[in-house]
PDB file of N, CA and C in Angstrom:
ATOM      1  N   UNK A   1      -1.204  22.935  -3.203  1.00  0.00           N
ATOM      2  CA  UNK A   1      -1.786  21.944  -4.094  1.00  0.00           C
ATOM      3  C   UNK A   1      -0.899  20.697  -4.165  1.00  0.00           C
ATOM      4  N   UNK A   2       0.417  20.926  -4.193  1.00  0.00           N
ATOM      5  CA  UNK A   2       1.348  19.808  -4.269  1.00  0.00           C
ATOM      6  C   UNK A   2       1.299  18.967  -2.995  1.00  0.00           C
ATOM      7  N   UNK A   3       1.158  19.639  -1.840  1.00  0.00           N
ATOM      8  CA  UNK A   3       1.067  18.935  -0.561  1.00  0.00           C
ATOM      9  C   UNK A   3      -0.189  18.056  -0.517  1.00  0.00           C
ATOM     10  N   UNK A   4      -1.271  18.550  -1.056  1.00  0.00           N
ATOM     11  CA  UNK A   4      -2.514  17.783  -1.115  1.00  0.00           C
ATOM     12  C   UNK A   4      -2.346  16.537  -1.978  1.00  0.00           C
ATOM     13  N   UNK A   5      -1.659  16.676  -3.086  1.00  0.00           N
ATOM     14  CA  UNK A   5      -1.401  15.544  -3.971  1.00  0.00           C
ATOM     15  C   UNK A   5      -0.499  14.512  -3.291  1.00  0.00           C
ATOM     16  N   UNK A   6       0.503  14.966  -2.582  1.00  0.00           N
ATOM     17  CA  UNK A   6       1.400  14.059  -1.850  1.00  0.00           C
ATOM     18  C   UNK A   6       0.626  13.295  -0.783  1.00  0.00           C
ATOM     19  N   UNK A   7      -0.236  13.999  -0.028  1.00  0.00           N
ATOM     20  CA  UNK A   7      -1.038  13.337   1.004  1.00  0.00           C
ATOM     21  C   UNK A   7      -1.982  12.300   0.404  1.00  0.00           C
ATOM     22  N   UNK A   8      -2.549  12.603  -0.759  1.00  0.00           N
ATOM     23  CA  UNK A   8      -3.455  11.676  -1.429  1.00  0.00           C
ATOM     24  C   UNK A   8      -2.716  10.391  -1.827  1.00  0.00           C
ATOM     25  N   UNK A   9      -1.550  10.545  -2.417  1.00  0.00           N
ATOM     26  CA  UNK A   9      -0.753   9.381  -2.827  1.00  0.00           C
ATOM     27  C   UNK A   9      -0.284   8.594  -1.603  1.00  0.00           C
ATOM     28  N   UNK A  10       0.124   9.292  -0.544  1.00  0.00           N
ATOM     29  CA  UNK A  10       0.545   8.594   0.672  1.00  0.00           C
ATOM     30  C   UNK A  10      -0.606   7.801   1.292  1.00  0.00           C
ATOM     31  N   UNK A  11      -1.801   8.358   1.268  1.00  0.00           N
ATOM     32  CA  UNK A  11      -2.953   7.632   1.800  1.00  0.00           C
ATOM     33  C   UNK A  11      -3.292   6.424   0.937  1.00  0.00           C
ATOM     34  N   UNK A  12      -3.117   6.529  -0.367  1.00  0.00           N
ATOM     35  CA  UNK A  12      -3.329   5.377  -1.244  1.00  0.00           C
ATOM     36  C   UNK A  12      -2.298   4.285  -0.946  1.00  0.00           C
ATOM     37  N   UNK A  13      -1.060   4.683  -0.727  1.00  0.00           N
ATOM     38  CA  UNK A  13      -0.021   3.714  -0.361  1.00  0.00           C
ATOM     39  C   UNK A  13      -0.347   3.093   0.995  1.00  0.00           C
ATOM     40  N   UNK A  14      -0.865   3.906   1.917  1.00  0.00           N
ATOM     41  CA  UNK A  14      -1.266   3.381   3.227  1.00  0.00           C
ATOM     42  C   UNK A  14      -2.381   2.352   3.082  1.00  0.00           C
ATOM     43  N   UNK A  15      -3.308   2.576   2.155  1.00  0.00           N
ATOM     44  CA  UNK A  15      -4.363   1.595   1.884  1.00  0.00           C
ATOM     45  C   UNK A  15      -3.753   0.278   1.408  1.00  0.00           C
ATOM     46  N   UNK A  16      -2.799   0.366   0.493  1.00  0.00           N
ATOM     47  CA  UNK A  16      -2.183  -0.856  -0.042  1.00  0.00           C
ATOM     48  C   UNK A  16      -1.389  -1.604   1.036  1.00  0.00           C
ATOM     49  N   UNK A  17      -0.667  -0.875   1.869  1.00  0.00           N
ATOM     50  CA  UNK A  17       0.082  -1.514   2.954  1.00  0.00           C
ATOM     51  C   UNK A  17      -0.877  -2.139   3.958  1.00  0.00           C
ATOM     52  N   UNK A  18      -1.956  -1.437   4.266  1.00  0.00           N
ATOM     53  CA  UNK A  18      -2.966  -1.962   5.185  1.00  0.00           C
ATOM     54  C   UNK A  18      -3.570  -3.247   4.644  1.00  0.00           C
ATOM     55  N   UNK A  19      -3.833  -3.272   3.349  1.00  0.00           N
ATOM     56  CA  UNK A  19      -4.403  -4.481   2.753  1.00  0.00           C
ATOM     57  C   UNK A  19      -3.448  -5.654   2.907  1.00  0.00           C
ATOM     58  N   UNK A  20      -2.156  -5.407   2.714  1.00  0.00           N
ATOM     59  CA  UNK A  20      -1.155  -6.482   2.857  1.00  0.00           C
ATOM     60  C   UNK A  20      -1.101  -6.987   4.300  1.00  0.00           C
ATOM     61  N   UNK A  21      -1.122  -6.065   5.263  1.00  0.00           N
ATOM     62  CA  UNK A  21      -1.037  -6.451   6.673  1.00  0.00           C
ATOM     63  C   UNK A  21      -2.292  -7.211   7.102  1.00  0.00           C
ATOM     64  N   UNK A  22      -3.460  -6.685   6.777  1.00  0.00           N
ATOM     65  CA  UNK A  22      -4.714  -7.341   7.174  1.00  0.00           C
ATOM     66  C   UNK A  22      -4.854  -8.677   6.465  1.00  0.00           C
ATOM     67  N   UNK A  23      -4.439  -8.737   5.211  1.00  0.00           N
ATOM     68  CA  UNK A  23      -4.539  -9.990   4.460  1.00  0.00           C
ATOM     69  C   UNK A  23      -3.646 -11.076   5.063  1.00  0.00           C
ATOM     70  N   UNK A  24      -2.580 -10.678   5.733  1.00  0.00           N
ATOM     71  CA  UNK A  24      -1.709 -11.650   6.390  1.00  0.00           C
ATOM     72  C   UNK A  24      -2.420 -12.321   7.571  1.00  0.00           C
ATOM     73  N   UNK A  25      -3.207 -11.549   8.330  1.00  0.00           N
ATOM     74  CA  UNK A  25      -3.886 -12.080   9.508  1.00  0.00           C
ATOM     75  C   UNK A  25      -5.304 -12.565   9.223  1.00  0.00           C
ATOM     76  N   UNK A  26      -5.991 -11.903   8.306  1.00  0.00           N
ATOM     77  CA  UNK A  26      -7.369 -12.260   7.941  1.00  0.00           C
ATOM     78  C   UNK A  26      -7.441 -12.399   6.421  1.00  0.00           C
ATOM     79  N   UNK A  27      -7.002 -13.530   5.875  1.00  0.00           N
ATOM     80  CA  UNK A  27      -6.900 -13.673   4.421  1.00  0.00           C
ATOM     81  C   UNK A  27      -8.238 -13.462   3.700  1.00  0.00           C
ATOM     82  N   UNK A  28      -8.191 -12.613   2.689  1.00  0.00           N
ATOM     83  CA  UNK A  28      -9.327 -12.402   1.806  1.00  0.00           C
ATOM     84  C   UNK A  28     -10.450 -11.567   2.367  1.00  0.00           C
ATOM     85  N   UNK A  29     -10.282 -10.975   3.554  1.00  0.00           N
ATOM     86  CA  UNK A  29     -11.376 -10.222   4.156  1.00  0.00           C
ATOM     87  C   UNK A  29     -11.251  -8.715   4.002  1.00  0.00           C
ATOM     88  N   UNK A  30     -10.110  -8.243   3.530  1.00  0.00           N
ATOM     89  CA  UNK A  30      -9.871  -6.818   3.266  1.00  0.00           C
ATOM     90  C   UNK A  30      -9.157  -6.783   1.930  1.00  0.00           C
ATOM     91  N   UNK A  31      -9.863  -6.367   0.876  1.00  0.00           N
ATOM     92  CA  UNK A  31      -9.305  -6.517  -0.466  1.00  0.00           C
ATOM     93  C   UNK A  31      -9.380  -5.215  -1.249  1.00  0.00           C
ATOM     94  N   UNK A  32      -8.271  -4.843  -1.866  1.00  0.00           N
ATOM     95  CA  UNK A  32      -8.200  -3.760  -2.839  1.00  0.00           C
ATOM     96  C   UNK A  32      -7.742  -4.362  -4.159  1.00  0.00           C
ATOM     97  N   UNK A  33      -8.448  -4.067  -5.232  1.00  0.00           N
ATOM     98  CA  UNK A  33      -8.135  -4.677  -6.517  1.00  0.00           C
ATOM     99  C   UNK A  33      -6.793  -4.216  -7.075  1.00  0.00           C
ATOM    100  N   UNK A  34      -6.524  -2.899  -7.066  1.00  0.00           N
ATOM    101  CA  UNK A  34      -5.294  -2.388  -7.659  1.00  0.00           C
ATOM    102  C   UNK A  34      -5.006  -0.984  -7.123  1.00  0.00           C
ATOM    103  N   UNK A  35      -3.966  -0.350  -7.668  1.00  0.00           N
ATOM    104  CA  UNK A  35      -3.569   0.983  -7.215  1.00  0.00           C
ATOM    105  C   UNK A  35      -4.630   2.029  -7.525  1.00  0.00           C
ATOM    106  N   UNK A  36      -5.331   1.867  -8.627  1.00  0.00           N
ATOM    107  CA  UNK A  36      -6.403   2.810  -8.977  1.00  0.00           C
ATOM    108  C   UNK A  36      -7.508   2.769  -7.935  1.00  0.00           C
ATOM    109  N   UNK A  37      -7.852   1.573  -7.500  1.00  0.00           N
ATOM    110  CA  UNK A  37      -8.862   1.426  -6.459  1.00  0.00           C
ATOM    111  C   UNK A  37      -8.386   2.088  -5.166  1.00  0.00           C
ATOM    112  N   UNK A  38      -7.112   1.921  -4.844  1.00  0.00           N
ATOM    113  CA  UNK A  38      -6.553   2.545  -3.642  1.00  0.00           C
ATOM    114  C   UNK A  38      -6.590   4.073  -3.748  1.00  0.00           C
ATOM    115  N   UNK A  39      -6.295   4.597  -4.927  1.00  0.00           N
ATOM    116  CA  UNK A  39      -6.345   6.051  -5.117  1.00  0.00           C
ATOM    117  C   UNK A  39      -7.766   6.583  -4.965  1.00  0.00           C
ATOM    118  N   UNK A  40      -8.738   5.886  -5.531  1.00  0.00           N
ATOM    119  CA  UNK A  40     -10.134   6.307  -5.415  1.00  0.00           C
ATOM    120  C   UNK A  40     -10.600   6.208  -3.967  1.00  0.00           C
ATOM    121  N   UNK A  41     -10.238   5.115  -3.293  1.00  0.00           N
ATOM    122  CA  UNK A  41     -10.623   4.932  -1.892  1.00  0.00           C
ATOM    123  C   UNK A  41      -9.989   6.018  -1.013  1.00  0.00           C
ATOM    124  N   UNK A  42      -8.738   6.357  -1.273  1.00  0.00           N
ATOM    125  CA  UNK A  42      -8.066   7.405  -0.501  1.00  0.00           C
ATOM    126  C   UNK A  42      -8.726   8.759  -0.733  1.00  0.00           C
ATOM    127  N   UNK A  43      -9.117   9.026  -1.966  1.00  0.00           N
ATOM    128  CA  UNK A  43      -9.793  10.284  -2.278  1.00  0.00           C
ATOM    129  C   UNK A  43     -11.137  10.367  -1.562  1.00  0.00           C
ATOM    130  N   UNK A  44     -11.932   9.305  -1.647  1.00  0.00           N
ATOM    131  CA  UNK A  44     -13.246   9.311  -1.017  1.00  0.00           C
ATOM    132  C   UNK A  44     -13.130   9.358   0.506  1.00  0.00           C
ATOM    133  N   UNK A  45     -12.193   8.627   1.081  1.00  0.00           N
ATOM    134  CA  UNK A  45     -12.016   8.670   2.529  1.00  0.00           C
ATOM    135  C   UNK A  45     -11.560  10.060   2.977  1.00  0.00           C
ATOM    136  N   UNK A  46     -10.722  10.693   2.190  1.00  0.00           N
ATOM    137  CA  UNK A  46     -10.308  12.064   2.496  1.00  0.00           C
ATOM    138  C   UNK A  46     -11.475  13.033   2.471  1.00  0.00           C
ATOM    139  N   UNK A  47     -12.352  12.877   1.480  1.00  0.00           N
ATOM    140  CA  UNK A  47     -13.536  13.741   1.409  1.00  0.00           C
ATOM    141  C   UNK A  47     -14.469  13.510   2.589  1.00  0.00           C
ATOM    142  N   UNK A  48     -14.660  12.245   2.959  1.00  0.00           N
ATOM    143  CA  UNK A  48     -15.526  11.924   4.094  1.00  0.00           C
ATOM    144  C   UNK A  48     -14.909  12.438   5.393  1.00  0.00           C
ATOM    145  N   UNK A  49     -13.603  12.255   5.549  1.00  0.00           N
ATOM    146  CA  UNK A  49     -12.937  12.709   6.770  1.00  0.00           C
ATOM    147  C   UNK A  49     -12.956  14.226   6.913  1.00  0.00           C
ATOM    148  N   UNK A  50     -13.030  14.938   5.807  1.00  0.00           N
ATOM    149  CA  UNK A  50     -13.042  16.397   5.886  1.00  0.00           C
ATOM    150  C   UNK A  50     -14.451  16.989   5.961  1.00  0.00           C
ATOM    151  N   UNK A  51     -15.473  16.206   5.634  1.00  0.00           N
ATOM    152  CA  UNK A  51     -16.837  16.747   5.644  1.00  0.00           C
ATOM    153  C   UNK A  51     -17.729  16.073   6.691  1.00  0.00           C
ATOM    154  N   UNK A  52     -17.910  14.787   6.594  1.00  0.00           N
ATOM    155  CA  UNK A  52     -18.868  14.074   7.436  1.00  0.00           C
ATOM    156  C   UNK A  52     -18.309  13.781   8.827  1.00  0.00           C
ATOM    157  N   UNK A  53     -17.056  13.398   8.903  1.00  0.00           N
ATOM    158  CA  UNK A  53     -16.464  12.980  10.176  1.00  0.00           C
ATOM    159  C   UNK A  53     -16.504  14.068  11.250  1.00  0.00           C
ATOM    160  N   UNK A  54     -16.209  15.350  10.940  1.00  0.00           N
ATOM    161  CA  UNK A  54     -16.306  16.368  11.997  1.00  0.00           C
ATOM    162  C   UNK A  54     -17.724  16.506  12.566  1.00  0.00           C
ATOM    163  N   UNK A  55     -18.712  16.353  11.719  1.00  0.00           N
ATOM    164  CA  UNK A  55     -20.098  16.425  12.186  1.00  0.00           C
ATOM    165  C   UNK A  55     -20.411  15.250  13.112  1.00  0.00           C
ATOM    166  N   UNK A  56     -19.984  14.053  12.712  1.00  0.00           N
ATOM    167  CA  UNK A  56     -20.197  12.881  13.553  1.00  0.00           C
ATOM    168  C   UNK A  56     -19.464  13.007  14.886  1.00  0.00           C
ATOM    169  N   UNK A  57     -18.260  13.537  14.863  1.00  0.00           N
ATOM    170  CA  UNK A  57     -17.504  13.707  16.106  1.00  0.00           C
ATOM    171  C   UNK A  57     -18.174  14.714  17.031  1.00  0.00           C
ATOM    172  N   UNK A  58     -18.725  15.761  16.460  1.00  0.00           N
ATOM    173  CA  UNK A  58     -19.425  16.753  17.268  1.00  0.00           C
ATOM    174  C   UNK A  58     -20.683  16.152  17.899  1.00  0.00           C
ATOM    175  N   UNK A  59     -21.425  15.382  17.110  1.00  0.00           N
ATOM    176  CA  UNK A  59     -22.647  14.774  17.623  1.00  0.00           C
ATOM    177  C   UNK A  59     -22.388  13.702  18.676  1.00  0.00           C
ATOM    178  N   UNK A  60     -21.271  13.009  18.565  1.00  0.00           N
ATOM    179  CA  UNK A  60     -20.971  11.925  19.506  1.00  0.00           C
ATOM    180  C   UNK A  60     -19.969  12.331  20.580  1.00  0.00           C
ATOM    181  N   UNK A  61     -19.731  13.618  20.746  1.00  0.00           N
ATOM    182  CA  UNK A  61     -18.746  14.066  21.725  1.00  0.00           C
ATOM    183  C   UNK A  61     -19.037  13.588  23.149  1.00  0.00           C
ATOM    184  N   UNK A  62     -20.286  13.681  23.632  1.00  0.00           N
ATOM    185  CA  UNK A  62     -20.551  13.155  24.980  1.00  0.00           C
ATOM    186  C   UNK A  62     -20.270  11.655  25.086  1.00  0.00           C
ATOM    187  N   UNK A  63     -20.610  10.922  24.053  1.00  0.00           N
ATOM    188  CA  UNK A  63     -20.343   9.485  24.044  1.00  0.00           C
ATOM    189  C   UNK A  63     -18.838   9.209  24.000  1.00  0.00           C
ATOM    190  N   UNK A  64     -18.099  10.045  23.301  1.00  0.00           N
ATOM    191  CA  UNK A  64     -16.648   9.895  23.244  1.00  0.00           C
ATOM    192  C   UNK A  64     -16.032  10.074  24.628  1.00  0.00           C
ATOM    193  N   UNK A  65     -16.542  11.019  25.389  1.00  0.00           N
ATOM    194  CA  UNK A  65     -16.041  11.227  26.749  1.00  0.00           C
ATOM    195  C   UNK A  65     -16.381  10.027  27.625  1.00  0.00           C
ATOM    196  N   UNK A  66     -17.601   9.524  27.525  1.00  0.00           N
ATOM    197  CA  UNK A  66     -18.013   8.375  28.341  1.00  0.00           C
ATOM    198  C   UNK A  66     -17.249   7.101  28.005  1.00  0.00           C
ATOM    199  N   UNK A  67     -16.930   6.907  26.738  1.00  0.00           N
ATOM    200  CA  UNK A  67     -16.253   5.671  26.319  1.00  0.00           C
ATOM    201  C   UNK A  67     -14.744   5.841  26.207  1.00  0.00           C
ATOM    202  N   UNK A  68     -14.242   6.972  26.672  1.00  0.00           N
ATOM    203  CA  UNK A  68     -12.802   7.261  26.636  1.00  0.00           C
ATOM    204  C   UNK A  68     -12.217   7.154  25.225  1.00  0.00           C
ATOM    205  N   UNK A  69     -12.944   7.638  24.243  1.00  0.00           N
ATOM    206  CA  UNK A  69     -12.458   7.701  22.873  1.00  0.00           C
ATOM    207  C   UNK A  69     -12.821   6.524  21.990  1.00  0.00           C
ATOM    208  N   UNK A  70     -13.494   5.525  22.548  1.00  0.00           N
ATOM    209  CA  UNK A  70     -13.833   4.344  21.757  1.00  0.00           C
ATOM    210  C   UNK A  70     -14.820   4.668  20.631  1.00  0.00           C
ATOM    211  N   UNK A  71     -15.681   5.644  20.844  1.00  0.00           N
ATOM    212  CA  UNK A  71     -16.623   6.000  19.783  1.00  0.00           C
ATOM    213  C   UNK A  71     -15.898   6.647  18.598  1.00  0.00           C
ATOM    214  N   UNK A  72     -14.744   7.231  18.846  1.00  0.00           N
ATOM    215  CA  UNK A  72     -13.944   7.773  17.743  1.00  0.00           C
ATOM    216  C   UNK A  72     -13.475   6.642  16.820  1.00  0.00           C
ATOM    217  N   UNK A  73     -13.100   5.521  17.414  1.00  0.00           N
ATOM    218  CA  UNK A  73     -12.748   4.341  16.619  1.00  0.00           C
ATOM    219  C   UNK A  73     -13.952   3.865  15.807  1.00  0.00           C
ATOM    220  N   UNK A  74     -15.126   3.881  16.430  1.00  0.00           N
ATOM    221  CA  UNK A  74     -16.345   3.468  15.728  1.00  0.00           C
ATOM    222  C   UNK A  74     -16.634   4.379  14.533  1.00  0.00           C
ATOM    223  N   UNK A  75     -16.377   5.667  14.683  1.00  0.00           N
ATOM    224  CA  UNK A  75     -16.577   6.606  13.572  1.00  0.00           C
ATOM    225  C   UNK A  75     -15.597   6.294  12.449  1.00  0.00           C
ATOM    226  N   UNK A  76     -14.334   6.002  12.792  1.00  0.00           N
ATOM    227  CA  UNK A  76     -13.350   5.632  11.770  1.00  0.00           C
ATOM    228  C   UNK A  76     -13.766   4.368  11.032  1.00  0.00           C
ATOM    229  N   UNK A  77     -14.253   3.391  11.771  1.00  0.00           N
ATOM    230  CA  UNK A  77     -14.705   2.134  11.162  1.00  0.00           C
ATOM    231  C   UNK A  77     -15.883   2.395  10.231  1.00  0.00           C
ATOM    232  N   UNK A  78     -16.844   3.195  10.676  1.00  0.00           N
ATOM    233  CA  UNK A  78     -18.000   3.509   9.829  1.00  0.00           C
ATOM    234  C   UNK A  78     -17.592   4.216   8.544  1.00  0.00           C
ATOM    235  N   UNK A  79     -16.656   5.145   8.642  1.00  0.00           N
ATOM    236  CA  UNK A  79     -16.176   5.851   7.444  1.00  0.00           C
ATOM    237  C   UNK A  79     -15.496   4.881   6.487  1.00  0.00           C
ATOM    238  N   UNK A  80     -14.697   3.973   7.017  1.00  0.00           N
ATOM    239  CA  UNK A  80     -14.002   3.001   6.177  1.00  0.00           C
ATOM    240  C   UNK A  80     -14.988   2.041   5.507  1.00  0.00           C
ATOM    241  N   UNK A  81     -15.984   1.588   6.248  1.00  0.00           N
ATOM    242  CA  UNK A  81     -16.997   0.693   5.673  1.00  0.00           C
ATOM    243  C   UNK A  81     -17.802   1.429   4.611  1.00  0.00           C
ATOM    244  N   UNK A  82     -18.117   2.693   4.857  1.00  0.00           N
ATOM    245  CA  UNK A  82     -18.839   3.502   3.879  1.00  0.00           C
ATOM    246  C   UNK A  82     -18.055   3.600   2.572  1.00  0.00           C
ATOM    247  N   UNK A  83     -16.766   3.843   2.684  1.00  0.00           N
ATOM    248  CA  UNK A  83     -15.915   3.930   1.493  1.00  0.00           C
ATOM    249  C   UNK A  83     -15.899   2.593   0.756  1.00  0.00           C
ATOM    250  N   UNK A  84     -15.811   1.502   1.500  1.00  0.00           N
ATOM    251  CA  UNK A  84     -15.753   0.182   0.851  1.00  0.00           C
ATOM    252  C   UNK A  84     -17.042  -0.148   0.114  1.00  0.00           C
ATOM    253  N   UNK A  85     -18.154   0.404   0.554  1.00  0.00           N
ATOM    254  CA  UNK A  85     -19.432   0.141  -0.115  1.00  0.00           C
ATOM    255  C   UNK A  85     -19.556   0.900  -1.439  1.00  0.00           C
ATOM    256  N   UNK A  86     -18.862   2.028  -1.557  1.00  0.00           N
ATOM    257  CA  UNK A  86     -19.029   2.868  -2.741  1.00  0.00           C
ATOM    258  C   UNK A  86     -17.885   2.794  -3.751  1.00  0.00           C
ATOM    259  N   UNK A  87     -16.780   2.169  -3.372  1.00  0.00           N
ATOM    260  CA  UNK A  87     -15.650   2.063  -4.296  1.00  0.00           C
ATOM    261  C   UNK A  87     -15.613   0.652  -4.863  1.00  0.00           C
ATOM    262  N   UNK A  88     -15.823   0.511  -6.171  1.00  0.00           N
ATOM    263  CA  UNK A  88     -15.745  -0.832  -6.761  1.00  0.00           C
ATOM    264  C   UNK A  88     -14.313  -1.373  -6.674  1.00  0.00           C
ATOM    265  N   UNK A  89     -14.188  -2.620  -6.266  1.00  0.00           N
ATOM    266  CA  UNK A  89     -12.876  -3.235  -6.127  1.00  0.00           C
ATOM    267  C   UNK A  89     -12.309  -3.144  -4.727  1.00  0.00           C
ATOM    268  N   UNK A  90     -13.025  -2.487  -3.813  1.00  0.00           N
ATOM    269  CA  UNK A  90     -12.605  -2.388  -2.416  1.00  0.00           C
ATOM    270  C   UNK A  90     -13.640  -3.137  -1.589  1.00  0.00           C
ATOM    271  N   UNK A  91     -13.182  -4.167  -0.873  1.00  0.00           N
ATOM    272  CA  UNK A  91     -14.099  -5.064  -0.181  1.00  0.00           C
ATOM    273  C   UNK A  91     -13.616  -5.308   1.242  1.00  0.00           C
ATOM    274  N   UNK A  92     -14.532  -5.133   2.202  1.00  0.00           N
ATOM    275  CA  UNK A  92     -14.274  -5.488   3.600  1.00  0.00           C
ATOM    276  C   UNK A  92     -15.352  -6.500   3.988  1.00  0.00           C
ATOM    277  N   UNK A  93     -14.921  -7.674   4.480  1.00  0.00           N
ATOM    278  CA  UNK A  93     -15.829  -8.799   4.681  1.00  0.00           C
ATOM    279  C   UNK A  93     -16.653  -8.728   5.961  1.00  0.00           C
ATOM    280  N   UNK A  94     -16.305  -7.928   6.915  1.00  0.00           N
ATOM    281  CA  UNK A  94     -17.061  -7.892   8.156  1.00  0.00           C
ATOM    282  C   UNK A  94     -16.540  -6.844   9.114  1.00  0.00           C
ATOM    283  N   UNK A  95     -17.022  -6.922  10.355  1.00  0.00           N
ATOM    284  CA  UNK A  95     -16.672  -5.908  11.333  1.00  0.00           C
ATOM    285  C   UNK A  95     -15.239  -6.064  11.848  1.00  0.00           C
ATOM    286  N   UNK A  96     -14.769  -7.294  11.997  1.00  0.00           N
ATOM    287  CA  UNK A  96     -13.406  -7.505  12.506  1.00  0.00           C
ATOM    288  C   UNK A  96     -12.362  -6.958  11.526  1.00  0.00           C
ATOM    289  N   UNK A  97     -12.444  -7.278  10.220  1.00  0.00           N
ATOM    290  CA  UNK A  97     -11.483  -6.671   9.298  1.00  0.00           C
ATOM    291  C   UNK A  97     -11.637  -5.152   9.201  1.00  0.00           C
ATOM    292  N   UNK A  98     -12.863  -4.654   9.404  1.00  0.00           N
ATOM    293  CA  UNK A  98     -13.063  -3.202   9.358  1.00  0.00           C
ATOM    294  C   UNK A  98     -12.390  -2.517  10.541  1.00  0.00           C
ATOM    295  N   UNK A  99     -12.523  -3.111  11.730  1.00  0.00           N
ATOM    296  CA  UNK A  99     -11.873  -2.541  12.909  1.00  0.00           C
ATOM    297  C   UNK A  99     -10.355  -2.627  12.761  1.00  0.00           C
ATOM    298  N   UNK A 100      -9.875  -3.802  12.372  1.00  0.00           N
ATOM    299  CA  UNK A 100      -8.426  -3.976  12.192  1.00  0.00           C
ATOM    300  C   UNK A 100      -7.910  -3.050  11.098  1.00  0.00           C
ATOM    301  N   UNK A 101      -8.644  -2.941  10.012  1.00  0.00           N
ATOM    302  CA  UNK A 101      -8.236  -2.067   8.911  1.00  0.00           C
ATOM    303  C   UNK A 101      -8.198  -0.611   9.320  1.00  0.00           C
ATOM    304  N   UNK A 102      -9.162  -0.197  10.117  1.00  0.00           N
ATOM    305  CA  UNK A 102      -9.188   1.182  10.580  1.00  0.00           C
ATOM    306  C   UNK A 102      -7.986   1.501  11.459  1.00  0.00           C
ATOM    307  N   UNK A 103      -7.669   0.588  12.369  1.00  0.00           N
ATOM    308  CA  UNK A 103      -6.524   0.801  13.263  1.00  0.00           C
ATOM    309  C   UNK A 103      -5.215   0.796  12.476  1.00  0.00           C
ATOM    310  N   UNK A 104      -5.044  -0.212  11.628  1.00  0.00           N
ATOM    311  CA  UNK A 104      -3.796  -0.327  10.856  1.00  0.00           C
ATOM    312  C   UNK A 104      -3.654   0.830   9.878  1.00  0.00           C
ATOM    313  N   UNK A 105      -4.744   1.217   9.224  1.00  0.00           N
ATOM    314  CA  UNK A 105      -4.691   2.342   8.275  1.00  0.00           C
ATOM    315  C   UNK A 105      -4.291   3.631   8.987  1.00  0.00           C
ATOM    316  N   UNK A 106      -4.812   3.859  10.168  1.00  0.00           N
ATOM    317  CA  UNK A 106      -4.438   5.059  10.924  1.00  0.00           C
ATOM    318  C   UNK A 106      -2.954   5.050  11.267  1.00  0.00           C
ATOM    319  N   UNK A 107      -2.460   3.905  11.722  1.00  0.00           N
ATOM    320  CA  UNK A 107      -1.043   3.815  12.103  1.00  0.00           C
ATOM    321  C   UNK A 107      -0.133   3.972  10.889  1.00  0.00           C
ATOM    322  N   UNK A 108      -0.443   3.255   9.815  1.00  0.00           N
ATOM    323  CA  UNK A 108       0.398   3.304   8.610  1.00  0.00           C
ATOM    324  C   UNK A 108       0.378   4.699   7.990  1.00  0.00           C
ATOM    325  N   UNK A 109      -0.796   5.307   7.931  1.00  0.00           N
ATOM    326  CA  UNK A 109      -0.900   6.642   7.365  1.00  0.00           C
ATOM    327  C   UNK A 109      -0.113   7.655   8.194  1.00  0.00           C
ATOM    328  N   UNK A 110      -0.212   7.540   9.511  1.00  0.00           N
ATOM    329  CA  UNK A 110       0.544   8.434  10.385  1.00  0.00           C
ATOM    330  C   UNK A 110       2.047   8.249  10.188  1.00  0.00           C
ATOM    331  N   UNK A 111       2.490   7.022  10.124  1.00  0.00           N
ATOM    332  CA  UNK A 111       3.917   6.757   9.937  1.00  0.00           C
ATOM    333  C   UNK A 111       4.424   7.265   8.585  1.00  0.00           C
ATOM    334  N   UNK A 112       3.648   7.031   7.522  1.00  0.00           N
ATOM    335  CA  UNK A 112       4.066   7.512   6.201  1.00  0.00           C
ATOM    336  C   UNK A 112       4.147   9.045   6.176  1.00  0.00           C
ATOM    337  N   UNK A 113       3.142   9.697   6.738  1.00  0.00           N
ATOM    338  CA  UNK A 113       3.160  11.164   6.768  1.00  0.00           C
ATOM    339  C   UNK A 113       4.303  11.682   7.643  1.00  0.00           C
ATOM    340  N   UNK A 114       4.610  10.971   8.694  1.00  0.00           N
ATOM    341  CA  UNK A 114       5.709  11.368   9.577  1.00  0.00           C
ATOM    342  C   UNK A 114       7.059  11.239   8.852  1.00  0.00           C
ATOM    343  N   UNK A 115       7.229  10.165   8.085  1.00  0.00           N
ATOM    344  CA  UNK A 115       8.484   9.981   7.361  1.00  0.00           C
ATOM    345  C   UNK A 115       8.672  11.005   6.250  1.00  0.00           C
ATOM    346  N   UNK A 116       7.602  11.402   5.605  1.00  0.00           N
ATOM    347  CA  UNK A 116       7.700  12.354   4.500  1.00  0.00           C
ATOM    348  C   UNK A 116       7.964  13.760   5.014  1.00  0.00           C
ATOM    349  N   UNK A 117       7.400  14.098   6.153  1.00  0.00           N
ATOM    350  CA  UNK A 117       7.580  15.464   6.687  1.00  0.00           C
ATOM    351  C   UNK A 117       8.827  15.590   7.456  1.00  0.00           C
TER     352      UNK A 117
END
């Protein structure tokens, strides 16, 4: 239970770091209102990644092989955009910030989890 709580907080921190990085290159197009919004977004993204994402990956497996993994990025982007639509205070302005946010969030989250473990 404690490990789950640590991962949730780390993902919220990853959201905040991602917002800072994306905001540097694309000002105002990837916005989180506050830490509470980041915590809610991390919780919802975690739920989506554990329930919906495996189904999408299974359905798009042939496409993933044909595109050499590019459809996996598309699934990550779709999950992130879905979260932004349902969390008040979390805003993504378009497809470019969504793609950049998905890539940066994956890298930052991986690095944070790597440092903690």
